Amino acid sequence: MTNLEMTQGVQTRLKNRLTSDDRLILDFDDGVGPYSKVGVCSLEVSFRFLIVNKDAVDPVYDETLDSPVGQVHIKGYADSYLNEAPKLALSHFGLIQLSSAVGVLDTNVAIIDHPEALIETK
């Protein structure tokens, strides 16, 4: 299992928004899963944090990474981006930046609180 490294600033930002009933997802935003409306139609890689209720972790998030704030759920196939020393740090502009041994993956990893509340049920 891969470890997801986080600077103290990122840890603090996430801990301030998480409760004991929440689970953290590092979502590879590719249009797959209930929390993506459309895939990113560019050559850019896009990640975002989703904070969801513990009962709202969709099966598409089938792997976890260990992190200083607990387990982080991911789509298993996104592991190819995250298998070489993934790290989250705050940029000079205060944005969360995701990098790995190969370089910067995403310069602005957003945090989205409870997107499951926005999904319409039929």
N, C-alpha and C. Protein backbone atom coordinates (compact mmCIF):
# COMPACT_ATOMS: atom_id res chain seq x y z
N MET A 1 0.84 -1.19 0.00
CA MET A 1 0.00 0.00 0.00
C MET A 1 0.88 1.24 0.00
N THR A 2 0.54 2.16 -0.84
CA THR A 2 1.28 3.40 -0.98
C THR A 2 0.92 4.36 0.16
N ASN A 3 1.91 5.13 0.58
CA ASN A 3 1.65 6.18 1.55
C ASN A 3 1.53 7.51 0.82
N LEU A 4 0.54 8.28 1.21
CA LEU A 4 0.32 9.60 0.65
C LEU A 4 0.87 10.62 1.63
N GLU A 5 1.95 11.26 1.27
CA GLU A 5 2.60 12.24 2.14
C GLU A 5 1.86 13.57 2.05
N MET A 6 1.76 14.26 3.19
CA MET A 6 1.10 15.57 3.24
C MET A 6 1.89 16.49 4.15
N THR A 7 2.06 17.73 3.71
CA THR A 7 2.68 18.70 4.59
C THR A 7 1.70 19.04 5.71
N GLN A 8 2.21 19.66 6.75
CA GLN A 8 1.37 20.02 7.89
C GLN A 8 0.24 20.96 7.48
N GLY A 9 0.50 21.86 6.55
CA GLY A 9 -0.53 22.79 6.10
C GLY A 9 -1.70 22.08 5.45
N VAL A 10 -1.43 21.08 4.63
CA VAL A 10 -2.49 20.31 3.99
C VAL A 10 -3.25 19.50 5.04
N GLN A 11 -2.52 18.88 5.96
CA GLN A 11 -3.17 18.10 7.02
C GLN A 11 -4.13 18.98 7.82
N THR A 12 -3.69 20.15 8.19
CA THR A 12 -4.53 21.06 8.98
C THR A 12 -5.78 21.45 8.21
N ARG A 13 -5.61 21.78 6.94
CA ARG A 13 -6.76 22.18 6.12
C ARG A 13 -7.80 21.05 6.04
N LEU A 14 -7.34 19.82 5.87
CA LEU A 14 -8.26 18.68 5.77
C LEU A 14 -8.89 18.36 7.12
N LYS A 15 -8.08 18.33 8.18
CA LYS A 15 -8.60 17.99 9.51
C LYS A 15 -9.67 18.98 9.96
N ASN A 16 -9.54 20.24 9.56
CA ASN A 16 -10.53 21.25 9.93
C ASN A 16 -11.88 21.01 9.28
N ARG A 17 -11.93 20.18 8.24
CA ARG A 17 -13.18 19.94 7.53
C ARG A 17 -13.73 18.53 7.73
N LEU A 18 -12.95 17.62 8.26
CA LEU A 18 -13.38 16.23 8.44
C LEU A 18 -14.00 16.00 9.80
N THR A 19 -15.04 15.15 9.84
CA THR A 19 -15.61 14.69 11.10
C THR A 19 -15.39 13.18 11.18
N SER A 20 -15.75 12.59 12.29
CA SER A 20 -15.57 11.14 12.45
C SER A 20 -16.50 10.34 11.53
N ASP A 21 -17.56 10.95 11.03
CA ASP A 21 -18.48 10.27 10.11
C ASP A 21 -18.09 10.44 8.64
N ASP A 22 -17.00 11.15 8.37
CA ASP A 22 -16.58 11.43 7.00
C ASP A 22 -15.49 10.47 6.54
N ARG A 23 -15.43 10.31 5.23
CA ARG A 23 -14.34 9.60 4.57
C ARG A 23 -13.75 10.53 3.52
N LEU A 24 -12.46 10.38 3.29
CA LEU A 24 -11.75 11.24 2.36
C LEU A 24 -11.43 10.46 1.09
N ILE A 25 -11.75 11.06 -0.05
CA ILE A 25 -11.48 10.48 -1.35
C ILE A 25 -10.56 11.44 -2.10
N LEU A 26 -9.50 10.90 -2.71
CA LEU A 26 -8.69 11.66 -3.65
C LEU A 26 -9.16 11.20 -5.03
N ASP A 27 -10.03 12.00 -5.61
CA ASP A 27 -10.72 11.62 -6.84
C ASP A 27 -9.94 12.03 -8.07
N PHE A 28 -9.62 11.04 -8.91
CA PHE A 28 -9.09 11.29 -10.24
C PHE A 28 -10.31 11.65 -11.08
N ASP A 29 -10.47 12.94 -11.40
CA ASP A 29 -11.70 13.43 -12.02
C ASP A 29 -11.68 13.15 -13.52
N ASP A 30 -12.17 11.96 -13.86
CA ASP A 30 -12.15 11.51 -15.25
C ASP A 30 -13.54 11.20 -15.79
N GLY A 31 -14.57 11.60 -15.06
CA GLY A 31 -15.93 11.36 -15.51
C GLY A 31 -16.51 10.04 -15.05
N VAL A 32 -15.74 9.24 -14.32
CA VAL A 32 -16.21 7.94 -13.83
C VAL A 32 -16.62 8.09 -12.37
N GLY A 33 -17.79 7.58 -12.05
CA GLY A 33 -18.26 7.62 -10.67
C GLY A 33 -19.38 8.63 -10.50
N PRO A 34 -20.06 8.53 -9.39
CA PRO A 34 -21.26 9.35 -9.18
C PRO A 34 -20.97 10.83 -8.93
N TYR A 35 -19.74 11.18 -8.59
CA TYR A 35 -19.44 12.56 -8.24
C TYR A 35 -18.85 13.35 -9.39
N SER A 36 -18.72 12.73 -10.57
CA SER A 36 -18.21 13.42 -11.76
C SER A 36 -19.36 13.62 -12.74
N LYS A 37 -19.55 14.84 -13.15
CA LYS A 37 -20.57 15.13 -14.16
C LYS A 37 -20.04 14.79 -15.55
N VAL A 38 -18.82 15.27 -15.84
CA VAL A 38 -18.17 15.00 -17.13
C VAL A 38 -16.68 14.83 -16.89
N GLY A 39 -16.03 14.14 -17.79
CA GLY A 39 -14.59 13.97 -17.69
C GLY A 39 -13.89 15.24 -18.14
N VAL A 40 -12.65 15.35 -17.77
CA VAL A 40 -11.84 16.48 -18.19
C VAL A 40 -11.44 16.25 -19.64
N CYS A 41 -11.81 17.16 -20.51
CA CYS A 41 -11.55 17.00 -21.94
C CYS A 41 -10.28 17.74 -22.35
N SER A 42 -9.20 17.43 -21.68
CA SER A 42 -7.92 18.03 -22.03
C SER A 42 -6.83 17.02 -21.70
N LEU A 43 -5.63 17.42 -21.92
CA LEU A 43 -4.51 16.54 -21.62
C LEU A 43 -4.06 16.67 -20.18
N GLU A 44 -4.71 17.52 -19.41
CA GLU A 44 -4.34 17.73 -18.02
C GLU A 44 -4.88 16.62 -17.13
N VAL A 45 -4.14 16.30 -16.09
CA VAL A 45 -4.58 15.37 -15.07
C VAL A 45 -5.24 16.21 -13.98
N SER A 46 -6.42 15.79 -13.53
CA SER A 46 -7.14 16.57 -12.55
C SER A 46 -7.54 15.69 -11.36
N PHE A 47 -7.14 16.12 -10.17
CA PHE A 47 -7.52 15.46 -8.93
C PHE A 47 -8.25 16.45 -8.05
N ARG A 48 -9.08 15.92 -7.15
CA ARG A 48 -9.77 16.75 -6.17
C ARG A 48 -10.08 15.88 -4.96
N PHE A 49 -10.13 16.52 -3.80
CA PHE A 49 -10.55 15.83 -2.59
C PHE A 49 -12.07 15.90 -2.48
N LEU A 50 -12.67 14.76 -2.16
CA LEU A 50 -14.10 14.71 -1.86
C LEU A 50 -14.24 14.26 -0.41
N ILE A 51 -14.97 15.00 0.37
CA ILE A 51 -15.29 14.60 1.74
C ILE A 51 -16.72 14.10 1.71
N VAL A 52 -16.90 12.80 1.96
CA VAL A 52 -18.23 12.18 1.88
C VAL A 52 -18.55 11.48 3.20
N ASN A 53 -19.84 11.24 3.41
CA ASN A 53 -20.28 10.45 4.55
C ASN A 53 -19.69 9.05 4.43
N LYS A 54 -19.41 8.42 5.55
CA LYS A 54 -18.79 7.10 5.54
C LYS A 54 -19.59 6.07 4.76
N ASP A 55 -20.89 6.26 4.61
CA ASP A 55 -21.74 5.34 3.86
C ASP A 55 -21.83 5.71 2.38
N ALA A 56 -21.17 6.78 1.95
CA ALA A 56 -21.31 7.27 0.58
C ALA A 56 -20.05 7.05 -0.27
N VAL A 57 -19.16 6.16 0.18
CA VAL A 57 -17.98 5.86 -0.62
C VAL A 57 -18.40 4.86 -1.70
N ASP A 58 -18.43 5.33 -2.94
CA ASP A 58 -18.86 4.50 -4.07
C ASP A 58 -17.83 3.39 -4.32
N PRO A 59 -18.28 2.21 -4.79
CA PRO A 59 -17.37 1.09 -5.07
C PRO A 59 -16.29 1.39 -6.12
N VAL A 60 -16.47 2.45 -6.92
CA VAL A 60 -15.43 2.80 -7.90
C VAL A 60 -14.13 3.19 -7.19
N TYR A 61 -14.24 3.63 -5.94
CA TYR A 61 -13.05 3.97 -5.13
C TYR A 61 -12.62 2.71 -4.38
N ASP A 62 -11.93 1.83 -5.10
CA ASP A 62 -11.69 0.47 -4.64
C ASP A 62 -10.32 0.23 -4.01
N GLU A 63 -9.53 1.28 -3.85
CA GLU A 63 -8.23 1.16 -3.17
C GLU A 63 -8.09 2.30 -2.17
N THR A 64 -7.17 2.12 -1.24
CA THR A 64 -6.91 3.18 -0.26
C THR A 64 -5.41 3.43 -0.16
N LEU A 65 -5.09 4.64 0.22
CA LEU A 65 -3.72 5.04 0.52
C LEU A 65 -3.68 5.43 2.00
N ASP A 66 -2.59 5.13 2.66
CA ASP A 66 -2.39 5.60 4.03
C ASP A 66 -1.90 7.04 3.98
N SER A 67 -2.38 7.85 4.91
CA SER A 67 -1.95 9.25 4.98
C SER A 67 -1.94 9.68 6.44
N PRO A 68 -1.35 10.83 6.72
CA PRO A 68 -1.34 11.34 8.10
C PRO A 68 -2.74 11.66 8.64
N VAL A 69 -3.74 11.82 7.76
CA VAL A 69 -5.11 12.11 8.23
C VAL A 69 -6.00 10.87 8.14
N GLY A 70 -5.42 9.71 7.89
CA GLY A 70 -6.18 8.47 7.80
C GLY A 70 -6.18 7.94 6.38
N GLN A 71 -7.01 6.92 6.16
CA GLN A 71 -7.07 6.32 4.84
C GLN A 71 -7.74 7.26 3.84
N VAL A 72 -7.18 7.27 2.63
CA VAL A 72 -7.71 8.07 1.54
C VAL A 72 -8.11 7.11 0.43
N HIS A 73 -9.37 7.14 0.03
CA HIS A 73 -9.88 6.26 -1.02
C HIS A 73 -9.52 6.81 -2.39
N ILE A 74 -9.19 5.89 -3.32
CA ILE A 74 -8.89 6.28 -4.70
C ILE A 74 -9.49 5.26 -5.66
N LYS A 75 -9.59 5.64 -6.92
CA LYS A 75 -9.93 4.68 -7.98
C LYS A 75 -8.66 3.87 -8.24
N GLY A 76 -8.77 2.55 -8.22
CA GLY A 76 -7.60 1.71 -8.35
C GLY A 76 -6.74 2.02 -9.56
N TYR A 77 -7.37 2.32 -10.67
CA TYR A 77 -6.59 2.60 -11.88
C TYR A 77 -5.85 3.93 -11.83
N ALA A 78 -6.20 4.81 -10.89
CA ALA A 78 -5.48 6.07 -10.72
C ALA A 78 -4.16 5.85 -10.01
N ASP A 79 -3.95 4.65 -9.50
CA ASP A 79 -2.72 4.32 -8.79
C ASP A 79 -1.49 4.54 -9.67
N SER A 80 -1.64 4.44 -10.98
CA SER A 80 -0.49 4.64 -11.87
C SER A 80 0.08 6.05 -11.72
N TYR A 81 -0.75 7.02 -11.34
CA TYR A 81 -0.27 8.37 -11.08
C TYR A 81 0.30 8.52 -9.67
N LEU A 82 -0.14 7.65 -8.77
CA LEU A 82 0.15 7.85 -7.35
C LEU A 82 1.10 6.81 -6.76
N ASN A 83 1.74 6.01 -7.59
CA ASN A 83 2.55 4.93 -7.04
C ASN A 83 4.01 5.30 -6.81
N GLU A 84 4.42 6.51 -7.14
CA GLU A 84 5.80 6.92 -6.94
C GLU A 84 5.89 8.14 -6.03
N ALA A 85 5.85 7.90 -4.73
CA ALA A 85 6.03 8.94 -3.71
C ALA A 85 5.08 10.12 -3.87
N PRO A 86 3.76 9.89 -3.85
CA PRO A 86 2.82 11.02 -3.96
C PRO A 86 2.89 11.92 -2.74
N LYS A 87 2.81 13.23 -3.01
CA LYS A 87 2.91 14.20 -1.92
C LYS A 87 1.98 15.37 -2.20
N LEU A 88 1.33 15.84 -1.16
CA LEU A 88 0.48 17.02 -1.22
C LEU A 88 1.11 18.12 -0.38
N ALA A 89 1.20 19.30 -0.97
CA ALA A 89 1.79 20.44 -0.27
C ALA A 89 1.07 21.70 -0.69
N LEU A 90 1.14 22.73 0.14
CA LEU A 90 0.57 24.03 -0.22
C LEU A 90 1.56 24.79 -1.09
N SER A 91 1.05 25.38 -2.17
CA SER A 91 1.89 26.19 -3.04
C SER A 91 2.08 27.56 -2.42
N HIS A 92 2.88 28.39 -3.08
CA HIS A 92 3.09 29.76 -2.60
C HIS A 92 1.79 30.57 -2.61
N PHE A 93 0.82 30.13 -3.41
CA PHE A 93 -0.46 30.82 -3.51
C PHE A 93 -1.51 30.23 -2.58
N GLY A 94 -1.13 29.21 -1.78
CA GLY A 94 -2.06 28.59 -0.84
C GLY A 94 -2.91 27.49 -1.45
N LEU A 95 -2.63 27.10 -2.67
CA LEU A 95 -3.36 26.02 -3.32
C LEU A 95 -2.72 24.69 -2.95
N ILE A 96 -3.52 23.62 -2.95
CA ILE A 96 -2.99 22.29 -2.67
C ILE A 96 -2.44 21.73 -3.97
N GLN A 97 -1.18 21.35 -3.95
CA GLN A 97 -0.49 20.83 -5.12
C GLN A 97 -0.15 19.37 -4.91
N LEU A 98 -0.45 18.54 -5.90
CA LEU A 98 -0.13 17.11 -5.86
C LEU A 98 1.05 16.84 -6.76
N SER A 99 2.07 16.19 -6.21
CA SER A 99 3.24 15.84 -7.00
C SER A 99 3.65 14.41 -6.69
N SER A 100 4.55 13.90 -7.50
CA SER A 100 5.11 12.57 -7.27
C SER A 100 6.57 12.62 -7.69
N ALA A 101 7.22 11.47 -7.70
CA ALA A 101 8.62 11.42 -8.08
C ALA A 101 8.83 11.88 -9.52
N VAL A 102 7.80 11.82 -10.35
CA VAL A 102 7.94 12.21 -11.75
C VAL A 102 7.65 13.69 -11.97
N GLY A 103 7.11 14.40 -10.99
CA GLY A 103 6.85 15.83 -11.11
C GLY A 103 5.49 16.22 -10.61
N VAL A 104 5.07 17.43 -10.93
CA VAL A 104 3.79 17.96 -10.49
C VAL A 104 2.67 17.32 -11.31
N LEU A 105 1.67 16.78 -10.61
CA LEU A 105 0.51 16.16 -11.25
C LEU A 105 -0.67 17.12 -11.37
N ASP A 106 -0.90 17.92 -10.33
CA ASP A 106 -2.02 18.85 -10.32
C ASP A 106 -1.65 20.03 -9.44
N THR A 107 -1.83 21.24 -9.95
CA THR A 107 -1.43 22.44 -9.21
C THR A 107 -2.54 23.01 -8.33
N ASN A 108 -3.76 22.46 -8.45
CA ASN A 108 -4.87 22.99 -7.67
C ASN A 108 -5.86 21.88 -7.34
N VAL A 109 -5.59 21.13 -6.27
CA VAL A 109 -6.47 20.06 -5.81
C VAL A 109 -7.53 20.69 -4.90
N ALA A 110 -8.73 20.79 -5.40
CA ALA A 110 -9.82 21.41 -4.64
C ALA A 110 -10.33 20.44 -3.57
N ILE A 111 -11.02 20.98 -2.57
CA ILE A 111 -11.69 20.18 -1.55
C ILE A 111 -13.18 20.43 -1.70
N ILE A 112 -13.94 19.36 -1.94
CA ILE A 112 -15.38 19.47 -2.11
C ILE A 112 -16.06 18.71 -0.98
N ASP A 113 -16.87 19.44 -0.21
CA ASP A 113 -17.58 18.85 0.93
C ASP A 113 -18.90 18.23 0.49
N HIS A 114 -19.09 16.98 0.81
CA HIS A 114 -20.34 16.24 0.68
C HIS A 114 -21.04 16.40 -0.67
N PRO A 115 -20.37 15.99 -1.76
CA PRO A 115 -21.02 16.06 -3.07
C PRO A 115 -22.19 15.09 -3.19
N GLU A 116 -22.26 14.08 -2.31
CA GLU A 116 -23.36 13.11 -2.37
C GLU A 116 -24.70 13.79 -2.08
N ALA A 117 -24.67 14.91 -1.38
CA ALA A 117 -25.90 15.62 -1.09
C ALA A 117 -26.50 16.29 -2.33
N LEU A 118 -25.68 16.43 -3.37
CA LEU A 118 -26.12 17.09 -4.59
C LEU A 118 -26.65 16.12 -5.64
N ILE A 119 -26.45 14.81 -5.40
CA ILE A 119 -26.87 13.81 -6.36
C ILE A 119 -28.36 13.57 -6.22
N GLU A 120 -29.06 13.66 -7.34
CA GLU A 120 -30.50 13.42 -7.34
C GLU A 120 -30.77 11.94 -7.31
N THR A 121 -31.67 11.52 -6.44
CA THR A 121 -32.06 10.12 -6.41
C THR A 121 -33.35 9.95 -7.19
N LYS A 122 -33.47 8.79 -7.82
CA LYS A 122 -34.66 8.55 -8.65
C LYS A 122 -35.55 7.53 -8.01
